[in-house]
C-alpha atoms as a PDB file:
ATOM      1  CA  UNK A   1      11.092   3.428  14.503  1.00  0.00           C
ATOM      2  CA  UNK A   2      12.231   1.325  11.554  1.00  0.00           C
ATOM      3  CA  UNK A   3      10.756   2.961   8.444  1.00  0.00           C
ATOM      4  CA  UNK A   4      11.571  -0.054   6.270  1.00  0.00           C
ATOM      5  CA  UNK A   5       9.440  -2.304   8.473  1.00  0.00           C
ATOM      6  CA  UNK A   6       6.589   0.200   8.627  1.00  0.00           C
ATOM      7  CA  UNK A   7       6.511   0.503   4.824  1.00  0.00           C
ATOM      8  CA  UNK A   8       6.632  -3.274   4.335  1.00  0.00           C
ATOM      9  CA  UNK A   9       3.846  -3.823   6.894  1.00  0.00           C
ATOM     10  CA  UNK A  10       1.660  -1.094   5.382  1.00  0.00           C
ATOM     11  CA  UNK A  11       2.072  -2.549   1.900  1.00  0.00           C
ATOM     12  CA  UNK A  12       1.158  -6.032   3.143  1.00  0.00           C
ATOM     13  CA  UNK A  13      -2.008  -4.592   4.714  1.00  0.00           C
ATOM     14  CA  UNK A  14      -2.826  -2.643   1.555  1.00  0.00           C
ATOM     15  CA  UNK A  15      -2.628  -5.833  -0.513  1.00  0.00           C
ATOM     16  CA  UNK A  16      -5.709  -7.049   1.388  1.00  0.00           C
ATOM     17  CA  UNK A  17      -7.693  -3.915   0.482  1.00  0.00           C
ATOM     18  CA  UNK A  18     -10.052  -4.281  -2.520  1.00  0.00           C
ATOM     19  CA  UNK A  19      -8.597  -1.095  -4.051  1.00  0.00           C
ATOM     20  CA  UNK A  20      -5.263  -2.899  -4.527  1.00  0.00           C
ATOM     21  CA  UNK A  21      -6.972  -4.724  -7.470  1.00  0.00           C
ATOM     22  CA  UNK A  22      -4.326  -7.404  -7.854  1.00  0.00           C
ATOM     23  CA  UNK A  23      -1.446  -4.969  -8.147  1.00  0.00           C
ATOM     24  CA  UNK A  24       2.146  -6.109  -7.812  1.00  0.00           C
ATOM     25  CA  UNK A  25       3.294  -4.028  -4.826  1.00  0.00           C
ATOM     26  CA  UNK A  26       7.022  -3.964  -4.081  1.00  0.00           C
ATOM     27  CA  UNK A  27       9.388  -2.354  -1.602  1.00  0.00           C
ATOM     28  CA  UNK A  28      12.990  -1.392  -2.284  1.00  0.00           C
ATOM     29  CA  UNK A  29      14.553  -0.354   0.981  1.00  0.00           C
ATOM     30  CA  UNK A  30      17.509  -0.965   3.244  1.00  0.00           C
ATOM     31  CA  UNK A  31      16.911  -3.595   5.950  1.00  0.00           C
ATOM     32  CA  UNK A  32      16.815  -0.897   8.578  1.00  0.00           C
ATOM     33  CA  UNK A  33      16.126   2.799   8.267  1.00  0.00           C
ATOM     34  CA  UNK A  34      15.593   4.554  11.597  1.00  0.00           C
ATOM     35  CA  UNK A  35      13.399   7.660  11.721  1.00  0.00           C
ATOM     36  CA  UNK A  36      11.757   9.687  14.454  1.00  0.00           C
ATOM     37  CA  UNK A  37       8.105  10.025  13.427  1.00  0.00           C
ATOM     38  CA  UNK A  38       4.533   9.202  14.378  1.00  0.00           C
ATOM     39  CA  UNK A  39       4.126   5.656  13.041  1.00  0.00           C
ATOM     40  CA  UNK A  40       0.335   5.897  12.757  1.00  0.00           C
ATOM     41  CA  UNK A  41       0.428   9.176  10.849  1.00  0.00           C
ATOM     42  CA  UNK A  42       3.211   7.984   8.551  1.00  0.00           C
ATOM     43  CA  UNK A  43       1.364   4.743   7.836  1.00  0.00           C
ATOM     44  CA  UNK A  44      -1.786   6.749   6.954  1.00  0.00           C
ATOM     45  CA  UNK A  45       0.191   8.980   4.575  1.00  0.00           C
ATOM     46  CA  UNK A  46       1.685   5.921   2.872  1.00  0.00           C
ATOM     47  CA  UNK A  47      -1.774   4.274   2.646  1.00  0.00           C
ATOM     48  CA  UNK A  48      -3.124   7.419   0.938  1.00  0.00           C
ATOM     49  CA  UNK A  49      -0.192   7.465  -1.500  1.00  0.00           C
ATOM     50  CA  UNK A  50      -0.755   3.778  -2.298  1.00  0.00           C
ATOM     51  CA  UNK A  51      -4.471   4.399  -2.880  1.00  0.00           C
ATOM     52  CA  UNK A  52      -3.677   7.314  -5.229  1.00  0.00           C
ATOM     53  CA  UNK A  53      -1.097   5.222  -7.076  1.00  0.00           C
ATOM     54  CA  UNK A  54      -3.511   2.296  -7.394  1.00  0.00           C
ATOM     55  CA  UNK A  55      -6.142   4.620  -8.895  1.00  0.00           C
ATOM     56  CA  UNK A  56      -3.605   5.687 -11.535  1.00  0.00           C
ATOM     57  CA  UNK A  57      -2.334   2.155 -12.258  1.00  0.00           C
ATOM     58  CA  UNK A  58      -3.918  -0.429 -14.542  1.00  0.00           C
ATOM     59  CA  UNK A  59      -5.356  -3.640 -13.086  1.00  0.00           C
ATOM     60  CA  UNK A  60      -2.482  -6.035 -12.348  1.00  0.00           C
ATOM     61  CA  UNK A  61       0.060  -3.213 -12.754  1.00  0.00           C
ATOM     62  CA  UNK A  62       3.088  -2.650 -10.532  1.00  0.00           C
ATOM     63  CA  UNK A  63       3.784  -0.081  -7.812  1.00  0.00           C
ATOM     64  CA  UNK A  64       7.216   0.110  -6.200  1.00  0.00           C
ATOM     65  CA  UNK A  65       7.949   2.078  -3.028  1.00  0.00           C
ATOM     66  CA  UNK A  66      11.651   2.939  -2.797  1.00  0.00           C
ATOM     67  CA  UNK A  67      13.366   4.313   0.311  1.00  0.00           C
ATOM     68  CA  UNK A  68      16.686   6.140   0.125  1.00  0.00           C
ATOM     69  CA  UNK A  69      18.598   7.306   3.202  1.00  0.00           C
ATOM     70  CA  UNK A  70      19.378  11.008   3.253  1.00  0.00           C
ATOM     71  CA  UNK A  71      23.104  11.682   3.272  1.00  0.00           C
ATOM     72  CA  UNK A  72      24.060  14.781   5.266  1.00  0.00           C
ATOM     73  CA  UNK A  73      26.873  16.740   3.709  1.00  0.00           C
END
């Protein structure tokens, strides 16, 4: 699964939710980041994090989700 796409899609859906209250939601991520995970569960976790962040952010504030690949040593 491409995590970057999942995050971008989840954020676009969250923008339609009334709790997003006009926030500026952004994604900083590589074009492709492959992970092995349950897409539905991961999307739900991200949605919950976005809801928590929106509750702690002023109306018309900004939330940025940043993805970094893990580098094995």
